[in-house]
Each structure stands twice: as C-alpha cells, then as structure tokens.
Amino acid sequence: MFDNLSIWKWHMDFVGQKHAEYLFRTIITTCGFVGFILGYLKEQFSITIGLTLIGFFVSALLTIPPWPIYARNPLKWQKVKKIKKIENNLNYDEYKEDKKKEKKKTK
C-alpha cells in the first residue's frame, strides 16, 4: 500500500528551506497587507481575515509539502573517520596524554 511513497523525497535541503520560508513570509505578508487595505476601504473586517487566511492556506500548500524544488542542493557528508578503541575506559583527553607520554618514553 505504501510502496508508492518511496518515490517521493521526504526532506528539504537548507537552501530549499530558505526559499520555502521566504515564499511563506512573502505570501502571508502580501495577502495580509492587501486584505488590510481592501478591508479598510470596504469597511469589512471579514475581508481582511478572509484574504489573510487564503494567503496562509496557499502558502502552506506551496511550502509545507517537500516538493522536489526544495531538494535540489543535497548535503555533501564527510567520510567517517575511524578511531582506535580507547583502552581502560579513559576519556579522550586522558587517552591523548597517555599517548604523548608513551612517545616521550620511546625517544
């Protein structure tokens, strides 16, 4: 049943999030401003609320789903570094100090 969902990318990259947030703010602000002006001119507060809600739902529809346009810049992850096992449950700083002491002794 849910096999068809695997074709969707369910994430956004950081650039996509930036664009989505900018689009969301722009649509809400524009609709709120236009709604305020029209509501003031028509002397009906319901016009202001209606246009603001329409702007909210349109911007939510455009920005909340992870559309492919928001996943164009994938992250480049660093390779995992292998670290030798720390012996005797020492913390990392103690481990490094012990290694330095061992090097000094061998010289």
Protein backbone atom coordinates (compact mmCIF):
# COMPACT_ATOMS: atom_id res chain seq x y z
CA MET A 1 0.00 0.00 0.00
CA PHE A 2 2.77 2.44 0.91
CA ASP A 3 5.19 1.28 -1.79
CA ASN A 4 4.33 4.26 -3.99
CA LEU A 5 5.50 6.66 -1.27
CA SER A 6 9.12 5.62 -1.75
CA ILE A 7 9.36 7.63 -4.99
CA TRP A 8 8.88 10.89 -3.05
CA LYS A 9 11.76 12.69 -1.40
CA TRP A 10 10.60 13.41 2.14
CA HIS A 11 13.19 16.04 3.00
CA MET A 12 14.30 19.55 2.13
CA ASP A 13 17.84 20.82 1.97
CA PHE A 14 18.94 24.02 3.69
CA VAL A 15 18.65 26.14 0.54
CA GLY A 16 15.17 24.74 -0.07
CA GLN A 17 14.16 25.58 3.48
CA LYS A 18 15.39 29.13 2.98
CA HIS A 19 13.37 29.50 -0.22
CA ALA A 20 10.27 27.94 1.36
CA GLU A 21 10.45 30.27 4.35
CA TYR A 22 10.92 33.32 2.12
CA LEU A 23 7.97 32.29 -0.06
CA PHE A 24 5.80 31.63 3.01
CA ARG A 25 6.58 35.02 4.53
CA THR A 26 6.11 36.87 1.24
CA ILE A 27 2.70 35.34 0.52
CA ILE A 28 1.40 35.86 4.07
CA THR A 29 2.67 39.45 4.23
CA THR A 30 1.29 40.36 0.80
CA CYS A 31 -2.12 38.83 1.45
CA GLY A 32 -2.28 40.42 4.89
CA PHE A 33 -1.39 43.84 3.52
CA VAL A 34 -3.81 43.62 0.57
CA GLY A 35 -6.50 42.23 2.88
CA PHE A 36 -6.00 45.09 5.31
CA ILE A 37 -6.23 47.74 2.58
CA LEU A 38 -9.32 46.18 0.96
CA GLY A 39 -10.97 45.59 4.34
CA TYR A 40 -10.29 49.18 5.33
CA LEU A 41 -11.67 50.57 2.06
CA LYS A 42 -14.78 48.33 2.13
CA GLU A 43 -15.07 48.74 5.93
CA GLN A 44 -15.38 44.98 6.43
CA PHE A 45 -13.02 43.17 8.75
CA SER A 46 -14.08 39.84 7.25
CA ILE A 47 -12.28 40.72 4.00
CA THR A 48 -9.05 41.24 5.92
CA ILE A 49 -9.40 37.94 7.77
CA GLY A 50 -10.51 36.08 4.62
CA LEU A 51 -7.59 37.22 2.48
CA THR A 52 -5.11 36.54 5.26
CA LEU A 53 -6.47 33.00 5.70
CA ILE A 54 -6.43 32.40 1.94
CA GLY A 55 -2.80 33.55 1.88
CA PHE A 56 -1.98 31.25 4.77
CA PHE A 57 -3.52 28.18 3.13
CA VAL A 58 -1.96 28.91 -0.28
CA SER A 59 1.48 29.44 1.26
CA ALA A 60 1.08 26.30 3.39
CA LEU A 61 0.17 24.29 0.30
CA LEU A 62 3.23 25.62 -1.54
CA THR A 63 5.79 25.30 1.25
CA ILE A 64 4.88 22.56 3.74
CA PRO A 65 4.99 19.51 1.44
CA PRO A 66 8.56 18.57 0.48
CA TRP A 67 8.23 19.42 -3.20
CA PRO A 68 11.22 18.39 -5.37
CA ILE A 69 12.05 22.05 -5.99
CA TYR A 70 13.15 22.28 -2.33
CA ALA A 71 15.60 19.35 -2.58
CA ARG A 72 17.90 20.48 -5.39
CA ASN A 73 21.03 21.00 -3.26
CA PRO A 74 21.75 17.79 -1.36
CA LEU A 75 24.20 17.80 1.54
CA LYS A 76 27.71 16.51 0.97
CA TRP A 77 28.56 14.47 4.02
CA GLN A 78 32.11 13.97 5.26
CA LYS A 79 33.51 10.49 5.37
CA VAL A 80 33.55 8.74 8.73
CA LYS A 81 36.95 8.71 10.44
CA LYS A 82 37.99 5.50 12.13
CA ILE A 83 39.25 5.94 15.68
CA LYS A 84 41.18 3.31 17.58
CA LYS A 85 39.35 1.81 20.51
CA ILE A 86 40.07 3.69 23.73
CA GLU A 87 41.50 1.31 26.30
CA ASN A 88 40.69 1.06 30.00
CA ASN A 89 37.64 3.36 29.76
CA LEU A 90 39.74 6.52 29.75
CA ASN A 91 38.24 9.67 28.39
CA TYR A 92 39.70 11.09 25.21
CA ASP A 93 41.91 13.72 26.89
CA GLU A 94 43.49 11.17 29.19
CA TYR A 95 44.00 8.85 26.23
CA LYS A 96 45.85 11.56 24.27
CA GLU A 97 48.03 12.41 27.29
CA ASP A 98 48.94 8.75 27.74
CA LYS A 99 49.90 8.51 24.07
CA LYS A 100 52.12 11.60 24.39
CA LYS A 101 53.84 10.11 27.43
CA GLU A 102 54.44 6.86 25.56
CA LYS A 103 56.02 8.76 22.67
CA LYS A 104 58.33 10.64 25.04
CA LYS A 105 59.41 7.40 26.70
CA THR A 106 60.31 5.81 23.38
CA LYS A 107 62.54 8.75 22.39
